[in-house]
């Protein structure tokens, strides 16, 4: 294979991978799968895609080694191909939010509207996590908490938060987290809790970022 032929083939293959990522629905699906495997039906329920469209997006990502699948009975479950890809995806998000002014502006407006601008970084959380005066609140759906969660966190899904307010102490600082920096559940939790008189902040990122940080340090 000549040099030009080799370069063309390699860059063509790379462009196919990047093209497979260049879709907002696929990026949302990747965020979902970073919490643990999901059935096609589960993805449809969260994204409001049709079953056919969700399946098509998943097949594109599977053919480009972004996701993998397994079958159980009549259901097909998908998950991210590996943690290496998750790390790449997190770096893309971090770069985009820090370097693309419009995304940073949108993020700040979302946080300001929900009183969650004063977010806690993962590094700060690690220093706070041994503090008994901190309540770490996981507001994702309980099935995602069961797949994996930050050590010491308590599961209170966002749709159950209001009815569980009486069981939450106002003597503790609450740190709420969800799927990642684009997840709005933590923002909604901060807004609700702060309006009820709780001392609360959100984690700037989410469980997948914490998970990868642990893998890097171990």
C-alpha atoms as a PDB file:
ATOM      1  CA  UNK A   1       0.000   0.000   0.000  1.00  0.00           C
ATOM      2  CA  UNK A   2       1.449   3.359  -1.047  1.00  0.00           C
ATOM      3  CA  UNK A   3       1.715   6.246   1.401  1.00  0.00           C
ATOM      4  CA  UNK A   4      -1.185   8.254  -0.024  1.00  0.00           C
ATOM      5  CA  UNK A   5      -3.391   5.185  -0.217  1.00  0.00           C
ATOM      6  CA  UNK A   6      -2.595   4.319   3.381  1.00  0.00           C
ATOM      7  CA  UNK A   7      -3.344   7.856   4.645  1.00  0.00           C
ATOM      8  CA  UNK A   8      -6.604   8.045   2.693  1.00  0.00           C
ATOM      9  CA  UNK A   9      -7.766   4.709   4.097  1.00  0.00           C
ATOM     10  CA  UNK A  10      -6.896   5.615   7.677  1.00  0.00           C
ATOM     11  CA  UNK A  11      -8.512   9.045   7.583  1.00  0.00           C
ATOM     12  CA  UNK A  12     -11.567   7.609   5.862  1.00  0.00           C
ATOM     13  CA  UNK A  13     -11.973   5.103   8.698  1.00  0.00           C
ATOM     14  CA  UNK A  14     -11.511   7.830  11.308  1.00  0.00           C
ATOM     15  CA  UNK A  15     -14.061  10.070   9.594  1.00  0.00           C
ATOM     16  CA  UNK A  16     -16.635   7.256   9.699  1.00  0.00           C
ATOM     17  CA  UNK A  17     -16.228   7.011  13.480  1.00  0.00           C
ATOM     18  CA  UNK A  18     -16.570  10.769  13.924  1.00  0.00           C
ATOM     19  CA  UNK A  19     -19.558  10.836  11.571  1.00  0.00           C
ATOM     20  CA  UNK A  20     -21.211   8.128  13.690  1.00  0.00           C
ATOM     21  CA  UNK A  21     -20.904  10.476  16.687  1.00  0.00           C
ATOM     22  CA  UNK A  22     -22.171  13.545  14.844  1.00  0.00           C
ATOM     23  CA  UNK A  23     -25.830  13.233  15.788  1.00  0.00           C
ATOM     24  CA  UNK A  24     -27.541  14.765  18.852  1.00  0.00           C
ATOM     25  CA  UNK A  25     -29.697  11.676  19.488  1.00  0.00           C
ATOM     26  CA  UNK A  26     -26.676   9.374  19.402  1.00  0.00           C
ATOM     27  CA  UNK A  27     -24.845  11.630  21.838  1.00  0.00           C
ATOM     28  CA  UNK A  28     -27.822  11.514  24.198  1.00  0.00           C
ATOM     29  CA  UNK A  29     -27.918   7.720  23.898  1.00  0.00           C
ATOM     30  CA  UNK A  30     -24.206   7.600  24.738  1.00  0.00           C
ATOM     31  CA  UNK A  31     -24.891   9.642  27.884  1.00  0.00           C
ATOM     32  CA  UNK A  32     -27.627   7.189  28.849  1.00  0.00           C
ATOM     33  CA  UNK A  33     -25.423   4.156  28.252  1.00  0.00           C
ATOM     34  CA  UNK A  34     -22.631   5.696  30.324  1.00  0.00           C
ATOM     35  CA  UNK A  35     -24.913   4.975  33.325  1.00  0.00           C
ATOM     36  CA  UNK A  36     -25.212   1.264  32.444  1.00  0.00           C
ATOM     37  CA  UNK A  37     -26.785  -0.910  29.809  1.00  0.00           C
ATOM     38  CA  UNK A  38     -30.260  -0.118  28.502  1.00  0.00           C
ATOM     39  CA  UNK A  39     -32.814  -1.963  26.420  1.00  0.00           C
ATOM     40  CA  UNK A  40     -34.028  -0.396  23.195  1.00  0.00           C
ATOM     41  CA  UNK A  41     -37.369   0.114  24.934  1.00  0.00           C
ATOM     42  CA  UNK A  42     -35.672   2.010  27.774  1.00  0.00           C
ATOM     43  CA  UNK A  43     -33.865   4.261  25.313  1.00  0.00           C
ATOM     44  CA  UNK A  44     -37.123   4.937  23.449  1.00  0.00           C
ATOM     45  CA  UNK A  45     -38.881   5.894  26.686  1.00  0.00           C
ATOM     46  CA  UNK A  46     -36.242   8.448  27.647  1.00  0.00           C
ATOM     47  CA  UNK A  47     -35.463   9.988  24.240  1.00  0.00           C
ATOM     48  CA  UNK A  48     -38.977   9.901  22.724  1.00  0.00           C
ATOM     49  CA  UNK A  49     -37.506   8.396  19.570  1.00  0.00           C
ATOM     50  CA  UNK A  50     -39.536   5.797  17.732  1.00  0.00           C
ATOM     51  CA  UNK A  51     -38.392   2.211  18.176  1.00  0.00           C
ATOM     52  CA  UNK A  52     -37.245   2.107  14.548  1.00  0.00           C
ATOM     53  CA  UNK A  53     -35.225   5.332  14.821  1.00  0.00           C
ATOM     54  CA  UNK A  54     -33.600   4.315  18.100  1.00  0.00           C
ATOM     55  CA  UNK A  55     -32.658   0.928  16.619  1.00  0.00           C
ATOM     56  CA  UNK A  56     -31.175   2.616  13.553  1.00  0.00           C
ATOM     57  CA  UNK A  57     -29.005   4.945  15.651  1.00  0.00           C
ATOM     58  CA  UNK A  58     -27.842   2.010  17.761  1.00  0.00           C
ATOM     59  CA  UNK A  59     -26.913  -0.027  14.692  1.00  0.00           C
ATOM     60  CA  UNK A  60     -24.835   2.853  13.303  1.00  0.00           C
ATOM     61  CA  UNK A  61     -22.951   3.089  16.586  1.00  0.00           C
ATOM     62  CA  UNK A  62     -22.553  -0.669  16.862  1.00  0.00           C
ATOM     63  CA  UNK A  63     -21.060  -0.915  13.367  1.00  0.00           C
ATOM     64  CA  UNK A  64     -18.501   1.720  14.398  1.00  0.00           C
ATOM     65  CA  UNK A  65     -17.532   0.007  17.681  1.00  0.00           C
ATOM     66  CA  UNK A  66     -19.148   2.619  19.916  1.00  0.00           C
ATOM     67  CA  UNK A  67     -21.702   0.292  21.507  1.00  0.00           C
ATOM     68  CA  UNK A  68     -22.187  -3.452  21.906  1.00  0.00           C
ATOM     69  CA  UNK A  69     -25.319  -5.503  22.438  1.00  0.00           C
ATOM     70  CA  UNK A  70     -26.587  -8.672  24.031  1.00  0.00           C
ATOM     71  CA  UNK A  71     -29.926 -10.443  23.708  1.00  0.00           C
ATOM     72  CA  UNK A  72     -31.992 -11.686  26.623  1.00  0.00           C
ATOM     73  CA  UNK A  73     -35.286 -13.295  25.709  1.00  0.00           C
ATOM     74  CA  UNK A  74     -37.177 -10.950  23.419  1.00  0.00           C
ATOM     75  CA  UNK A  75     -35.146  -7.908  24.479  1.00  0.00           C
ATOM     76  CA  UNK A  76     -31.859  -6.481  23.180  1.00  0.00           C
ATOM     77  CA  UNK A  77     -29.659  -4.578  25.632  1.00  0.00           C
ATOM     78  CA  UNK A  78     -26.969  -2.090  24.629  1.00  0.00           C
ATOM     79  CA  UNK A  79     -23.943  -0.757  26.470  1.00  0.00           C
ATOM     80  CA  UNK A  80     -20.854   1.291  25.609  1.00  0.00           C
ATOM     81  CA  UNK A  81     -18.087  -0.719  23.970  1.00  0.00           C
ATOM     82  CA  UNK A  82     -15.582  -0.050  26.809  1.00  0.00           C
ATOM     83  CA  UNK A  83     -14.261   2.507  29.298  1.00  0.00           C
ATOM     84  CA  UNK A  84     -11.691   3.777  26.772  1.00  0.00           C
ATOM     85  CA  UNK A  85     -14.506   5.109  24.626  1.00  0.00           C
ATOM     86  CA  UNK A  86     -16.215   6.632  27.675  1.00  0.00           C
ATOM     87  CA  UNK A  87     -12.984   8.490  28.458  1.00  0.00           C
ATOM     88  CA  UNK A  88     -12.813   9.846  24.885  1.00  0.00           C
ATOM     89  CA  UNK A  89     -16.440  10.989  25.075  1.00  0.00           C
ATOM     90  CA  UNK A  90     -15.863  12.778  28.383  1.00  0.00           C
ATOM     91  CA  UNK A  91     -12.843  14.604  26.950  1.00  0.00           C
ATOM     92  CA  UNK A  92     -14.935  15.765  23.982  1.00  0.00           C
ATOM     93  CA  UNK A  93     -17.614  17.170  26.306  1.00  0.00           C
ATOM     94  CA  UNK A  94     -15.062  18.892  28.530  1.00  0.00           C
ATOM     95  CA  UNK A  95     -13.318  20.452  25.552  1.00  0.00           C
ATOM     96  CA  UNK A  96     -16.588  21.568  23.926  1.00  0.00           C
ATOM     97  CA  UNK A  97     -17.949  23.282  27.048  1.00  0.00           C
ATOM     98  CA  UNK A  98     -14.658  25.047  27.816  1.00  0.00           C
ATOM     99  CA  UNK A  99     -13.763  26.109  24.262  1.00  0.00           C
ATOM    100  CA  UNK A 100     -17.081  26.709  22.472  1.00  0.00           C
ATOM    101  CA  UNK A 101     -18.457  29.983  23.800  1.00  0.00           C
ATOM    102  CA  UNK A 102     -22.080  29.287  22.864  1.00  0.00           C
ATOM    103  CA  UNK A 103     -22.138  25.988  24.770  1.00  0.00           C
ATOM    104  CA  UNK A 104     -20.575  27.603  27.819  1.00  0.00           C
ATOM    105  CA  UNK A 105     -23.177  30.379  27.646  1.00  0.00           C
ATOM    106  CA  UNK A 106     -26.053  27.876  27.425  1.00  0.00           C
ATOM    107  CA  UNK A 107     -24.627  25.860  30.320  1.00  0.00           C
ATOM    108  CA  UNK A 108     -24.278  28.930  32.527  1.00  0.00           C
ATOM    109  CA  UNK A 109     -27.824  30.064  31.727  1.00  0.00           C
ATOM    110  CA  UNK A 110     -29.192  26.645  32.633  1.00  0.00           C
ATOM    111  CA  UNK A 111     -27.296  26.617  35.921  1.00  0.00           C
ATOM    112  CA  UNK A 112     -28.298  30.204  36.735  1.00  0.00           C
ATOM    113  CA  UNK A 113     -31.988  29.506  36.080  1.00  0.00           C
ATOM    114  CA  UNK A 114     -31.843  26.586  38.523  1.00  0.00           C
ATOM    115  CA  UNK A 115     -29.697  28.300  41.190  1.00  0.00           C
ATOM    116  CA  UNK A 116     -26.894  25.796  40.580  1.00  0.00           C
ATOM    117  CA  UNK A 117     -24.024  27.993  39.361  1.00  0.00           C
ATOM    118  CA  UNK A 118     -21.963  27.254  42.480  1.00  0.00           C
ATOM    119  CA  UNK A 119     -21.252  23.673  41.428  1.00  0.00           C
ATOM    120  CA  UNK A 120     -18.835  21.302  43.162  1.00  0.00           C
ATOM    121  CA  UNK A 121     -16.025  19.717  41.152  1.00  0.00           C
ATOM    122  CA  UNK A 122     -15.151  16.035  41.502  1.00  0.00           C
ATOM    123  CA  UNK A 123     -11.853  17.042  43.101  1.00  0.00           C
ATOM    124  CA  UNK A 124     -13.701  19.131  45.703  1.00  0.00           C
ATOM    125  CA  UNK A 125     -16.157  16.313  46.311  1.00  0.00           C
ATOM    126  CA  UNK A 126     -13.331  13.890  47.073  1.00  0.00           C
ATOM    127  CA  UNK A 127     -12.145  16.223  49.819  1.00  0.00           C
ATOM    128  CA  UNK A 128     -15.685  16.594  51.180  1.00  0.00           C
ATOM    129  CA  UNK A 129     -16.847  12.985  50.930  1.00  0.00           C
ATOM    130  CA  UNK A 130     -15.586  11.952  54.379  1.00  0.00           C
ATOM    131  CA  UNK A 131     -17.409  14.877  55.973  1.00  0.00           C
ATOM    132  CA  UNK A 132     -20.375  13.555  57.927  1.00  0.00           C
ATOM    133  CA  UNK A 133     -22.138  16.887  57.430  1.00  0.00           C
ATOM    134  CA  UNK A 134     -22.433  16.217  53.697  1.00  0.00           C
ATOM    135  CA  UNK A 135     -25.368  14.352  52.137  1.00  0.00           C
ATOM    136  CA  UNK A 136     -24.551  13.056  48.665  1.00  0.00           C
ATOM    137  CA  UNK A 137     -27.804  12.720  46.753  1.00  0.00           C
ATOM    138  CA  UNK A 138     -28.101  10.614  43.586  1.00  0.00           C
ATOM    139  CA  UNK A 139     -31.222  11.849  41.776  1.00  0.00           C
ATOM    140  CA  UNK A 140     -31.006   9.506  38.779  1.00  0.00           C
ATOM    141  CA  UNK A 141     -33.595   6.731  38.317  1.00  0.00           C
ATOM    142  CA  UNK A 142     -33.033   3.957  40.853  1.00  0.00           C
ATOM    143  CA  UNK A 143     -32.068   1.406  38.168  1.00  0.00           C
ATOM    144  CA  UNK A 144     -29.087   3.589  37.231  1.00  0.00           C
ATOM    145  CA  UNK A 145     -28.082   3.901  40.882  1.00  0.00           C
ATOM    146  CA  UNK A 146     -28.112   0.092  41.110  1.00  0.00           C
ATOM    147  CA  UNK A 147     -25.784  -0.199  38.098  1.00  0.00           C
ATOM    148  CA  UNK A 148     -23.261   2.016  39.869  1.00  0.00           C
ATOM    149  CA  UNK A 149     -23.020   5.128  42.033  1.00  0.00           C
ATOM    150  CA  UNK A 150     -20.589   7.364  43.884  1.00  0.00           C
ATOM    151  CA  UNK A 151     -19.432   5.825  47.154  1.00  0.00           C
ATOM    152  CA  UNK A 152     -21.569   7.019  50.050  1.00  0.00           C
ATOM    153  CA  UNK A 153     -24.404   8.358  47.899  1.00  0.00           C
ATOM    154  CA  UNK A 154     -28.071   7.964  48.780  1.00  0.00           C
ATOM    155  CA  UNK A 155     -30.588   7.262  46.019  1.00  0.00           C
ATOM    156  CA  UNK A 156     -33.522   9.677  45.859  1.00  0.00           C
ATOM    157  CA  UNK A 157     -34.805   9.747  42.259  1.00  0.00           C
ATOM    158  CA  UNK A 158     -35.907  13.190  41.115  1.00  0.00           C
ATOM    159  CA  UNK A 159     -39.531  12.071  40.709  1.00  0.00           C
ATOM    160  CA  UNK A 160     -39.582  11.007  44.379  1.00  0.00           C
ATOM    161  CA  UNK A 161     -37.703  13.950  45.848  1.00  0.00           C
ATOM    162  CA  UNK A 162     -40.663  16.096  46.864  1.00  0.00           C
ATOM    163  CA  UNK A 163     -42.344  13.305  48.811  1.00  0.00           C
ATOM    164  CA  UNK A 164     -39.101  12.466  50.636  1.00  0.00           C
ATOM    165  CA  UNK A 165     -38.263  16.010  51.760  1.00  0.00           C
ATOM    166  CA  UNK A 166     -39.256  15.320  55.375  1.00  0.00           C
ATOM    167  CA  UNK A 167     -36.621  12.591  55.648  1.00  0.00           C
ATOM    168  CA  UNK A 168     -33.799  14.913  54.536  1.00  0.00           C
ATOM    169  CA  UNK A 169     -31.987  16.831  57.266  1.00  0.00           C
ATOM    170  CA  UNK A 170     -31.517  20.580  56.856  1.00  0.00           C
ATOM    171  CA  UNK A 171     -28.433  20.380  59.084  1.00  0.00           C
ATOM    172  CA  UNK A 172     -26.350  18.902  56.254  1.00  0.00           C
ATOM    173  CA  UNK A 173     -25.031  20.409  53.048  1.00  0.00           C
ATOM    174  CA  UNK A 174     -26.510  18.485  50.134  1.00  0.00           C
ATOM    175  CA  UNK A 175     -24.563  17.695  46.976  1.00  0.00           C
ATOM    176  CA  UNK A 176     -26.881  16.476  44.213  1.00  0.00           C
ATOM    177  CA  UNK A 177     -25.612  14.642  41.152  1.00  0.00           C
ATOM    178  CA  UNK A 178     -26.980  12.827  38.131  1.00  0.00           C
ATOM    179  CA  UNK A 179     -25.707  11.579  34.756  1.00  0.00           C
ATOM    180  CA  UNK A 180     -23.185  14.274  33.890  1.00  0.00           C
ATOM    181  CA  UNK A 181     -22.749  17.970  33.063  1.00  0.00           C
ATOM    182  CA  UNK A 182     -25.642  17.987  30.563  1.00  0.00           C
ATOM    183  CA  UNK A 183     -28.054  16.158  32.873  1.00  0.00           C
ATOM    184  CA  UNK A 184     -30.802  18.477  34.148  1.00  0.00           C
ATOM    185  CA  UNK A 185     -31.973  16.276  37.040  1.00  0.00           C
ATOM    186  CA  UNK A 186     -29.352  17.671  39.419  1.00  0.00           C
ATOM    187  CA  UNK A 187     -30.254  21.237  38.395  1.00  0.00           C
ATOM    188  CA  UNK A 188     -33.929  20.546  39.078  1.00  0.00           C
ATOM    189  CA  UNK A 189     -33.051  19.008  42.454  1.00  0.00           C
ATOM    190  CA  UNK A 190     -30.962  22.036  43.445  1.00  0.00           C
ATOM    191  CA  UNK A 191     -33.760  24.422  42.511  1.00  0.00           C
ATOM    192  CA  UNK A 192     -36.413  22.432  44.387  1.00  0.00           C
ATOM    193  CA  UNK A 193     -34.314  21.924  47.514  1.00  0.00           C
ATOM    194  CA  UNK A 194     -33.041  25.495  47.684  1.00  0.00           C
ATOM    195  CA  UNK A 195     -36.612  26.793  47.434  1.00  0.00           C
ATOM    196  CA  UNK A 196     -37.467  24.558  50.399  1.00  0.00           C
ATOM    197  CA  UNK A 197     -34.684  26.060  52.502  1.00  0.00           C
ATOM    198  CA  UNK A 198     -31.980  23.408  52.080  1.00  0.00           C
ATOM    199  CA  UNK A 199     -28.273  24.187  51.693  1.00  0.00           C
ATOM    200  CA  UNK A 200     -27.630  22.481  48.360  1.00  0.00           C
ATOM    201  CA  UNK A 201     -25.237  22.480  45.403  1.00  0.00           C
ATOM    202  CA  UNK A 202     -24.865  20.226  42.404  1.00  0.00           C
ATOM    203  CA  UNK A 203     -21.873  18.180  41.365  1.00  0.00           C
ATOM    204  CA  UNK A 204     -20.466  19.799  38.240  1.00  0.00           C
ATOM    205  CA  UNK A 205     -20.199  16.455  36.469  1.00  0.00           C
ATOM    206  CA  UNK A 206     -21.757  13.081  37.305  1.00  0.00           C
ATOM    207  CA  UNK A 207     -21.340   9.422  38.130  1.00  0.00           C
ATOM    208  CA  UNK A 208     -19.502   8.401  34.904  1.00  0.00           C
ATOM    209  CA  UNK A 209     -16.864  11.116  35.415  1.00  0.00           C
ATOM    210  CA  UNK A 210     -16.380  10.029  39.032  1.00  0.00           C
ATOM    211  CA  UNK A 211     -16.086   6.398  37.900  1.00  0.00           C
ATOM    212  CA  UNK A 212     -13.368   7.239  35.370  1.00  0.00           C
ATOM    213  CA  UNK A 213     -11.488   9.310  37.957  1.00  0.00           C
ATOM    214  CA  UNK A 214     -11.409   6.272  40.253  1.00  0.00           C
ATOM    215  CA  UNK A 215     -10.076   4.056  37.440  1.00  0.00           C
ATOM    216  CA  UNK A 216      -7.319   6.570  36.725  1.00  0.00           C
ATOM    217  CA  UNK A 217      -6.157   6.727  40.338  1.00  0.00           C
ATOM    218  CA  UNK A 218      -6.315   2.979  41.088  1.00  0.00           C
END
